[in-house]
PDB file of N, CA and C in Angstrom:
ATOM      1  N   MET A   1     -16.772   2.592   1.771  1.00  0.00           N
ATOM      2  CA  MET A   1     -16.350   1.548   2.744  1.00  0.00           C
ATOM      3  C   MET A   1     -16.038   0.052   2.104  1.00  0.00           C
ATOM      4  N   ALA A   2     -17.143  -0.342   1.366  1.00  0.00           N
ATOM      5  CA  ALA A   2     -17.098  -1.739   0.857  1.00  0.00           C
ATOM      6  C   ALA A   2     -18.288  -1.840  -0.120  1.00  0.00           C
ATOM      7  N   ALA A   3     -18.174  -2.853  -0.971  1.00  0.00           N
ATOM      8  CA  ALA A   3     -19.097  -3.076  -2.054  1.00  0.00           C
ATOM      9  C   ALA A   3     -19.038  -4.673  -2.293  1.00  0.00           C
ATOM     10  N   GLN A   4     -20.166  -5.196  -2.645  1.00  0.00           N
ATOM     11  CA  GLN A   4     -20.234  -6.574  -3.043  1.00  0.00           C
ATOM     12  C   GLN A   4     -21.217  -6.684  -4.248  1.00  0.00           C
ATOM     13  N   ARG A   5     -20.582  -7.498  -5.287  1.00  0.00           N
ATOM     14  CA  ARG A   5     -21.359  -7.659  -6.541  1.00  0.00           C
ATOM     15  C   ARG A   5     -22.302  -8.932  -6.453  1.00  0.00           C
ATOM     16  N   PHE A   6     -23.362  -8.885  -7.122  1.00  0.00           N
ATOM     17  CA  PHE A   6     -24.297 -10.291  -7.245  1.00  0.00           C
ATOM     18  C   PHE A   6     -24.551 -10.225  -8.497  1.00  0.00           C
ATOM     19  N   ARG A   7     -25.055 -11.501  -8.900  1.00  0.00           N
ATOM     20  CA  ARG A   7     -25.705 -11.662 -10.218  1.00  0.00           C
ATOM     21  C   ARG A   7     -26.966 -12.615 -10.057  1.00  0.00           C
ATOM     22  N   LEU A   8     -27.991 -12.388 -10.705  1.00  0.00           N
ATOM     23  CA  LEU A   8     -29.358 -13.116 -10.616  1.00  0.00           C
ATOM     24  C   LEU A   8     -29.091 -14.466 -11.070  1.00  0.00           C
ATOM     25  N   VAL A   9     -29.282 -15.585 -10.190  1.00  0.00           N
ATOM     26  CA  VAL A   9     -29.327 -16.925 -10.633  1.00  0.00           C
ATOM     27  C   VAL A   9     -30.340 -17.192 -11.656  1.00  0.00           C
ATOM     28  N   THR A  10     -30.012 -17.715 -12.774  1.00  0.00           N
ATOM     29  CA  THR A  10     -31.158 -18.240 -13.662  1.00  0.00           C
ATOM     30  C   THR A  10     -32.170 -18.891 -13.194  1.00  0.00           C
ATOM     31  N   PRO A  11     -33.522 -18.547 -13.242  1.00  0.00           N
ATOM     32  CA  PRO A  11     -34.516 -19.234 -12.475  1.00  0.00           C
ATOM     33  C   PRO A  11     -34.952 -20.510 -13.415  1.00  0.00           C
ATOM     34  N   GLN A  12     -35.400 -21.509 -12.777  1.00  0.00           N
ATOM     35  CA  GLN A  12     -35.852 -22.643 -13.574  1.00  0.00           C
ATOM     36  C   GLN A  12     -37.308 -22.263 -14.136  1.00  0.00           C
ATOM     37  N   PRO A  13     -37.473 -22.751 -15.531  1.00  0.00           N
ATOM     38  CA  PRO A  13     -38.773 -22.557 -16.069  1.00  0.00           C
ATOM     39  C   PRO A  13     -39.866 -23.151 -15.283  1.00  0.00           C
ATOM     40  N   ARG A  14     -41.111 -22.347 -15.415  1.00  0.00           N
ATOM     41  CA  ARG A  14     -42.280 -22.609 -14.721  1.00  0.00           C
ATOM     42  C   ARG A  14     -43.543 -22.426 -15.506  1.00  0.00           C
ATOM     43  N   ASN A  15     -44.604 -23.175 -15.061  1.00  0.00           N
ATOM     44  CA  ASN A  15     -45.849 -22.903 -15.712  1.00  0.00           C
ATOM     45  C   ASN A  15     -46.572 -21.874 -14.794  1.00  0.00           C
ATOM     46  N   GLY A  16     -47.521 -21.200 -15.416  1.00  0.00           N
ATOM     47  CA  GLY A  16     -48.413 -20.189 -14.868  1.00  0.00           C
ATOM     48  C   GLY A  16     -48.087 -18.934 -15.489  1.00  0.00           C
ATOM     49  N   PRO A  17     -48.634 -17.779 -14.594  1.00  0.00           N
ATOM     50  CA  PRO A  17     -48.417 -16.422 -15.261  1.00  0.00           C
ATOM     51  C   PRO A  17     -46.831 -16.031 -15.177  1.00  0.00           C
ATOM     52  N   PRO A  18     -46.602 -15.133 -15.998  1.00  0.00           N
ATOM     53  CA  PRO A  18     -45.160 -14.638 -16.027  1.00  0.00           C
ATOM     54  C   PRO A  18     -44.752 -14.111 -14.705  1.00  0.00           C
ATOM     55  N   SER A  19     -43.632 -14.358 -14.333  1.00  0.00           N
ATOM     56  CA  SER A  19     -43.133 -13.795 -13.014  1.00  0.00           C
ATOM     57  C   SER A  19     -42.524 -12.373 -13.318  1.00  0.00           C
ATOM     58  N   VAL A  20     -42.143 -11.760 -12.226  1.00  0.00           N
ATOM     59  CA  VAL A  20     -41.790 -10.358 -12.161  1.00  0.00           C
ATOM     60  C   VAL A  20     -40.084 -10.370 -12.815  1.00  0.00           C
ATOM     61  N   ALA A  21     -39.997  -9.366 -13.573  1.00  0.00           N
ATOM     62  CA  ALA A  21     -38.708  -9.376 -14.047  1.00  0.00           C
ATOM     63  C   ALA A  21     -37.775  -8.604 -13.178  1.00  0.00           C
ATOM     64  N   PHE A  22     -36.623  -9.305 -12.908  1.00  0.00           N
ATOM     65  CA  PHE A  22     -35.612  -8.628 -12.021  1.00  0.00           C
ATOM     66  C   PHE A  22     -34.386  -8.230 -12.859  1.00  0.00           C
ATOM     67  N   THR A  23     -33.500  -7.194 -12.396  1.00  0.00           N
ATOM     68  CA  THR A  23     -32.340  -6.914 -12.897  1.00  0.00           C
ATOM     69  C   THR A  23     -31.435  -7.901 -12.798  1.00  0.00           C
ATOM     70  N   ARG A  24     -30.529  -8.134 -13.788  1.00  0.00           N
ATOM     71  CA  ARG A  24     -29.510  -9.350 -13.744  1.00  0.00           C
ATOM     72  C   ARG A  24     -28.319  -9.248 -12.778  1.00  0.00           C
ATOM     73  N   TYR A  25     -27.994  -7.890 -12.458  1.00  0.00           N
ATOM     74  CA  TYR A  25     -26.805  -7.686 -11.734  1.00  0.00           C
ATOM     75  C   TYR A  25     -27.101  -6.663 -10.566  1.00  0.00           C
ATOM     76  N   MET A  26     -26.500  -6.823  -9.392  1.00  0.00           N
ATOM     77  CA  MET A  26     -26.587  -5.820  -8.396  1.00  0.00           C
ATOM     78  C   MET A  26     -25.405  -5.566  -7.777  1.00  0.00           C
ATOM     79  N   VAL A  27     -25.121  -4.350  -7.239  1.00  0.00           N
ATOM     80  CA  VAL A  27     -23.979  -3.986  -6.379  1.00  0.00           C
ATOM     81  C   VAL A  27     -24.553  -3.330  -5.079  1.00  0.00           C
ATOM     82  N   ILE A  28     -24.132  -3.860  -3.960  1.00  0.00           N
ATOM     83  CA  ILE A  28     -24.551  -3.234  -2.753  1.00  0.00           C
ATOM     84  C   ILE A  28     -23.334  -2.661  -2.201  1.00  0.00           C
ATOM     85  N   TRP A  29     -23.374  -1.283  -2.017  1.00  0.00           N
ATOM     86  CA  TRP A  29     -22.340  -0.396  -1.469  1.00  0.00           C
ATOM     87  C   TRP A  29     -22.526  -0.191   0.016  1.00  0.00           C
ATOM     88  N   GLU A  30     -21.628  -0.397   0.683  1.00  0.00           N
ATOM     89  CA  GLU A  30     -21.566   0.043   2.327  1.00  0.00           C
ATOM     90  C   GLU A  30     -20.860   1.382   2.281  1.00  0.00           C
ATOM     91  N   THR A  31     -21.670   2.443   2.835  1.00  0.00           N
ATOM     92  CA  THR A  31     -21.110   3.821   2.848  1.00  0.00           C
ATOM     93  C   THR A  31     -21.506   4.475   4.052  1.00  0.00           C
ATOM     94  N   GLU A  32     -20.756   5.492   4.373  1.00  0.00           N
ATOM     95  CA  GLU A  32     -20.996   6.427   5.550  1.00  0.00           C
ATOM     96  C   GLU A  32     -21.066   7.771   5.245  1.00  0.00           C
ATOM     97  N   GLY A  33     -22.095   8.591   5.486  1.00  0.00           N
ATOM     98  CA  GLY A  33     -22.125   9.905   5.112  1.00  0.00           C
ATOM     99  C   GLY A  33     -23.664  10.385   5.709  1.00  0.00           C
ATOM    100  N   SER A  34     -23.651  11.728   5.491  1.00  0.00           N
ATOM    101  CA  SER A  34     -24.960  12.338   5.980  1.00  0.00           C
ATOM    102  C   SER A  34     -26.193  12.390   4.957  1.00  0.00           C
ATOM    103  N   ASN A  35     -25.862  12.301   3.674  1.00  0.00           N
ATOM    104  CA  ASN A  35     -27.032  12.100   2.810  1.00  0.00           C
ATOM    105  C   ASN A  35     -26.622  11.417   1.453  1.00  0.00           C
ATOM    106  N   ALA A  36     -27.478  10.775   0.739  1.00  0.00           N
ATOM    107  CA  ALA A  36     -27.105  10.179  -0.364  1.00  0.00           C
ATOM    108  C   ALA A  36     -26.497  10.798  -1.630  1.00  0.00           C
ATOM    109  N   GLN A  37     -26.955  12.033  -1.661  1.00  0.00           N
ATOM    110  CA  GLN A  37     -26.366  12.949  -2.744  1.00  0.00           C
ATOM    111  C   GLN A  37     -24.938  13.380  -2.530  1.00  0.00           C
ATOM    112  N   ASP A  38     -24.474  13.577  -1.452  1.00  0.00           N
ATOM    113  CA  ASP A  38     -22.935  13.687  -1.208  1.00  0.00           C
ATOM    114  C   ASP A  38     -22.290  12.445  -1.508  1.00  0.00           C
ATOM    115  N   LEU A  39     -22.956  11.327  -0.936  1.00  0.00           N
ATOM    116  CA  LEU A  39     -22.255  10.065  -1.249  1.00  0.00           C
ATOM    117  C   LEU A  39     -21.977   9.675  -2.766  1.00  0.00           C
ATOM    118  N   GLN A  40     -23.180   9.839  -3.511  1.00  0.00           N
ATOM    119  CA  GLN A  40     -23.005   9.731  -4.858  1.00  0.00           C
ATOM    120  C   GLN A  40     -22.164  10.598  -5.446  1.00  0.00           C
ATOM    121  N   GLY A  41     -21.856  11.866  -5.103  1.00  0.00           N
ATOM    122  CA  GLY A  41     -20.879  12.713  -5.659  1.00  0.00           C
ATOM    123  C   GLY A  41     -19.508  12.306  -5.392  1.00  0.00           C
ATOM    124  N   ALA A  42     -19.321  11.846  -4.197  1.00  0.00           N
ATOM    125  CA  ALA A  42     -18.000  11.286  -3.779  1.00  0.00           C
ATOM    126  C   ALA A  42     -17.608  10.064  -4.592  1.00  0.00           C
ATOM    127  N   LEU A  43     -18.492   9.057  -4.770  1.00  0.00           N
ATOM    128  CA  LEU A  43     -18.442   7.846  -5.465  1.00  0.00           C
ATOM    129  C   LEU A  43     -17.917   8.192  -6.883  1.00  0.00           C
ATOM    130  N   THR A  44     -18.845   9.094  -7.542  1.00  0.00           N
ATOM    131  CA  THR A  44     -18.660   9.567  -8.976  1.00  0.00           C
ATOM    132  C   THR A  44     -17.200  10.054  -9.099  1.00  0.00           C
ATOM    133  N   ALA A  45     -16.768  11.042  -8.072  1.00  0.00           N
ATOM    134  CA  ALA A  45     -15.463  11.708  -8.330  1.00  0.00           C
ATOM    135  C   ALA A  45     -14.394  10.571  -8.175  1.00  0.00           C
ATOM    136  N   ALA A  46     -14.502   9.801  -7.169  1.00  0.00           N
ATOM    137  CA  ALA A  46     -13.636   8.625  -6.912  1.00  0.00           C
ATOM    138  C   ALA A  46     -13.378   7.710  -8.229  1.00  0.00           C
ATOM    139  N   THR A  47     -14.476   7.424  -8.760  1.00  0.00           N
ATOM    140  CA  THR A  47     -14.537   6.667  -9.982  1.00  0.00           C
ATOM    141  C   THR A  47     -13.797   7.172 -10.994  1.00  0.00           C
ATOM    142  N   LYS A  48     -14.179   8.464 -11.334  1.00  0.00           N
ATOM    143  CA  LYS A  48     -13.266   9.270 -12.370  1.00  0.00           C
ATOM    144  C   LYS A  48     -11.893   9.379 -12.173  1.00  0.00           C
ATOM    145  N   ALA A  49     -11.594   9.611 -10.862  1.00  0.00           N
ATOM    146  CA  ALA A  49     -10.056   9.927 -10.545  1.00  0.00           C
ATOM    147  C   ALA A  49      -9.358   8.434 -10.519  1.00  0.00           C
ATOM    148  N   GLY A  50     -10.079   7.408 -10.585  1.00  0.00           N
ATOM    149  CA  GLY A  50      -9.533   6.007 -10.481  1.00  0.00           C
ATOM    150  C   GLY A  50      -8.858   5.912  -9.039  1.00  0.00           C
ATOM    151  N   GLN A  51      -9.322   6.257  -8.047  1.00  0.00           N
ATOM    152  CA  GLN A  51      -8.721   6.242  -6.720  1.00  0.00           C
ATOM    153  C   GLN A  51      -9.175   4.849  -6.167  1.00  0.00           C
ATOM    154  N   GLY A  52      -8.152   4.360  -5.448  1.00  0.00           N
ATOM    155  CA  GLY A  52      -8.463   3.064  -4.728  1.00  0.00           C
ATOM    156  C   GLY A  52      -9.016   1.751  -5.307  1.00  0.00           C
ATOM    157  N   GLN A  53      -9.996   1.248  -4.845  1.00  0.00           N
ATOM    158  CA  GLN A  53     -10.534   0.023  -5.427  1.00  0.00           C
ATOM    159  C   GLN A  53     -11.858   0.196  -6.417  1.00  0.00           C
ATOM    160  N   VAL A  54     -11.912   1.710  -6.385  1.00  0.00           N
ATOM    161  CA  VAL A  54     -13.333   2.064  -7.147  1.00  0.00           C
ATOM    162  C   VAL A  54     -13.174   1.990  -8.559  1.00  0.00           C
ATOM    163  N   GLU A  55     -13.894   1.179  -9.330  1.00  0.00           N
ATOM    164  CA  GLU A  55     -13.842   0.919 -10.699  1.00  0.00           C
ATOM    165  C   GLU A  55     -15.306   1.442 -11.297  1.00  0.00           C
ATOM    166  N   ALA A  56     -15.161   1.952 -12.474  1.00  0.00           N
ATOM    167  CA  ALA A  56     -16.382   2.119 -13.090  1.00  0.00           C
ATOM    168  C   ALA A  56     -17.067   0.655 -13.494  1.00  0.00           C
ATOM    169  N   LEU A  57     -18.370   0.643 -13.161  1.00  0.00           N
ATOM    170  CA  LEU A  57     -19.057  -0.606 -13.662  1.00  0.00           C
ATOM    171  C   LEU A  57     -19.399  -0.348 -15.040  1.00  0.00           C
ATOM    172  N   ALA A  58     -19.348  -1.771 -15.732  1.00  0.00           N
ATOM    173  CA  ALA A  58     -19.994  -1.776 -17.197  1.00  0.00           C
ATOM    174  C   ALA A  58     -21.381  -1.859 -17.032  1.00  0.00           C
ATOM    175  N   ALA A  59     -22.047  -0.702 -17.449  1.00  0.00           N
ATOM    176  CA  ALA A  59     -23.584  -0.535 -17.260  1.00  0.00           C
ATOM    177  C   ALA A  59     -23.936   0.146 -18.499  1.00  0.00           C
ATOM    178  N   ASP A  60     -25.360  -0.180 -18.934  1.00  0.00           N
ATOM    179  CA  ASP A  60     -25.887   0.769 -19.853  1.00  0.00           C
ATOM    180  C   ASP A  60     -26.634   1.685 -19.172  1.00  0.00           C
ATOM    181  N   ALA A  61     -26.127   3.114 -19.508  1.00  0.00           N
ATOM    182  CA  ALA A  61     -26.899   4.113 -18.677  1.00  0.00           C
ATOM    183  C   ALA A  61     -28.412   4.203 -19.032  1.00  0.00           C
ATOM    184  N   GLY A  62     -28.843   3.800 -20.173  1.00  0.00           N
ATOM    185  CA  GLY A  62     -30.172   3.800 -20.461  1.00  0.00           C
ATOM    186  C   GLY A  62     -30.964   2.668 -19.643  1.00  0.00           C
ATOM    187  N   THR A  63     -30.529   1.677 -19.282  1.00  0.00           N
ATOM    188  CA  THR A  63     -31.287   0.649 -18.505  1.00  0.00           C
ATOM    189  C   THR A  63     -30.758   0.510 -17.154  1.00  0.00           C
ATOM    190  N   ALA A  64     -29.687   1.022 -16.692  1.00  0.00           N
ATOM    191  CA  ALA A  64     -29.161   0.926 -15.281  1.00  0.00           C
ATOM    192  C   ALA A  64     -30.277   1.523 -14.327  1.00  0.00           C
ATOM    193  N   GLN A  65     -30.372   0.974 -13.057  1.00  0.00           N
ATOM    194  CA  GLN A  65     -31.228   1.539 -12.136  1.00  0.00           C
ATOM    195  C   GLN A  65     -30.391   1.647 -10.838  1.00  0.00           C
ATOM    196  N   SER A  66     -30.564   2.778 -10.071  1.00  0.00           N
ATOM    197  CA  SER A  66     -30.013   3.033  -8.714  1.00  0.00           C
ATOM    198  C   SER A  66     -31.088   3.407  -7.842  1.00  0.00           C
ATOM    199  N   SER A  67     -30.881   2.998  -6.639  1.00  0.00           N
ATOM    200  CA  SER A  67     -31.632   3.312  -5.530  1.00  0.00           C
ATOM    201  C   SER A  67     -30.777   3.433  -4.156  1.00  0.00           C
ATOM    202  N   TRP A  68     -31.193   4.313  -3.377  1.00  0.00           N
ATOM    203  CA  TRP A  68     -30.433   4.541  -2.068  1.00  0.00           C
ATOM    204  C   TRP A  68     -31.395   3.993  -0.909  1.00  0.00           C
ATOM    205  N   TRP A  69     -30.853   3.390  -0.020  1.00  0.00           N
ATOM    206  CA  TRP A  69     -31.719   2.830   1.146  1.00  0.00           C
ATOM    207  C   TRP A  69     -30.860   3.373   2.426  1.00  0.00           C
ATOM    208  N   VAL A  70     -31.519   3.624   3.358  1.00  0.00           N
ATOM    209  CA  VAL A  70     -31.119   4.180   4.697  1.00  0.00           C
ATOM    210  C   VAL A  70     -31.310   3.076   5.817  1.00  0.00           C
ATOM    211  N   THR A  71     -30.263   2.719   6.373  1.00  0.00           N
ATOM    212  CA  THR A  71     -30.578   1.710   7.598  1.00  0.00           C
ATOM    213  C   THR A  71     -31.477   2.190   8.578  1.00  0.00           C
ATOM    214  N   THR A  72     -32.245   1.089   9.210  1.00  0.00           N
ATOM    215  CA  THR A  72     -33.299   1.271  10.175  1.00  0.00           C
ATOM    216  C   THR A  72     -32.889   0.685  11.475  1.00  0.00           C
ATOM    217  N   SER A  73     -31.667   0.090  11.662  1.00  0.00           N
ATOM    218  CA  SER A  73     -31.251  -0.527  12.882  1.00  0.00           C
ATOM    219  C   SER A  73     -29.516  -0.517  12.708  1.00  0.00           C
ATOM    220  N   PRO A  74     -29.174  -0.739  14.023  1.00  0.00           N
ATOM    221  CA  PRO A  74     -27.634  -0.770  13.973  1.00  0.00           C
ATOM    222  C   PRO A  74     -27.024  -1.958  13.189  1.00  0.00           C
ATOM    223  N   PHE A  75     -25.895  -1.958  12.781  1.00  0.00           N
ATOM    224  CA  PHE A  75     -25.082  -3.086  12.159  1.00  0.00           C
ATOM    225  C   PHE A  75     -25.370  -4.360  12.786  1.00  0.00           C
ATOM    226  N   ILE A  76     -25.673  -5.356  12.232  1.00  0.00           N
ATOM    227  CA  ILE A  76     -25.983  -6.717  12.867  1.00  0.00           C
ATOM    228  C   ILE A  76     -24.727  -7.502  12.717  1.00  0.00           C
ATOM    229  N   THR A  77     -24.204  -8.177  13.532  1.00  0.00           N
ATOM    230  CA  THR A  77     -23.071  -9.169  13.517  1.00  0.00           C
ATOM    231  C   THR A  77     -23.569 -10.521  14.084  1.00  0.00           C
ATOM    232  N   LYS A  78     -22.625 -11.609  13.882  1.00  0.00           N
ATOM    233  CA  LYS A  78     -22.917 -12.728  14.307  1.00  0.00           C
ATOM    234  C   LYS A  78     -23.193 -12.841  15.885  1.00  0.00           C
ATOM    235  N   ASP A  79     -22.494 -11.864  16.418  1.00  0.00           N
ATOM    236  CA  ASP A  79     -22.557 -11.823  18.135  1.00  0.00           C
ATOM    237  C   ASP A  79     -24.066 -11.403  18.478  1.00  0.00           C
ATOM    238  N   ASP A  80     -24.708 -11.057  17.613  1.00  0.00           N
ATOM    239  CA  ASP A  80     -26.213 -10.504  17.974  1.00  0.00           C
ATOM    240  C   ASP A  80     -27.142 -11.639  18.037  1.00  0.00           C
ATOM    241  N   PHE A  81     -26.551 -12.970  17.610  1.00  0.00           N
ATOM    242  CA  PHE A  81     -27.459 -14.087  17.509  1.00  0.00           C
ATOM    243  C   PHE A  81     -27.042 -14.999  18.627  1.00  0.00           C
ATOM    244  N   GLN A  82     -28.015 -15.546  19.434  1.00  0.00           N
ATOM    245  CA  GLN A  82     -27.694 -16.590  20.445  1.00  0.00           C
ATOM    246  C   GLN A  82     -27.455 -17.877  19.672  1.00  0.00           C
ATOM    247  N   ARG A  83     -26.628 -18.670  20.124  1.00  0.00           N
ATOM    248  CA  ARG A  83     -26.276 -19.941  19.524  1.00  0.00           C
ATOM    249  C   ARG A  83     -26.612 -21.043  20.515  1.00  0.00           C
TER     250      ARG A  83
END
């Protein structure tokens, strides 16, 4: 459906104990499907076939991390907030 790329803003140096290490880059994909495995398979197939706007991301397979999240509420829009 859609994707948005992010990069970690370089944090300011600080005193004290070391902070938690975060990944430097993140992509959030908006998808629709019945389960994560089928969605990952469709994404992989589309990337390999070069379909549409799907491009392979430059990533080190040895350090890249993936996780799947499932929504717990309906899609929220600006109309859901009272102004």
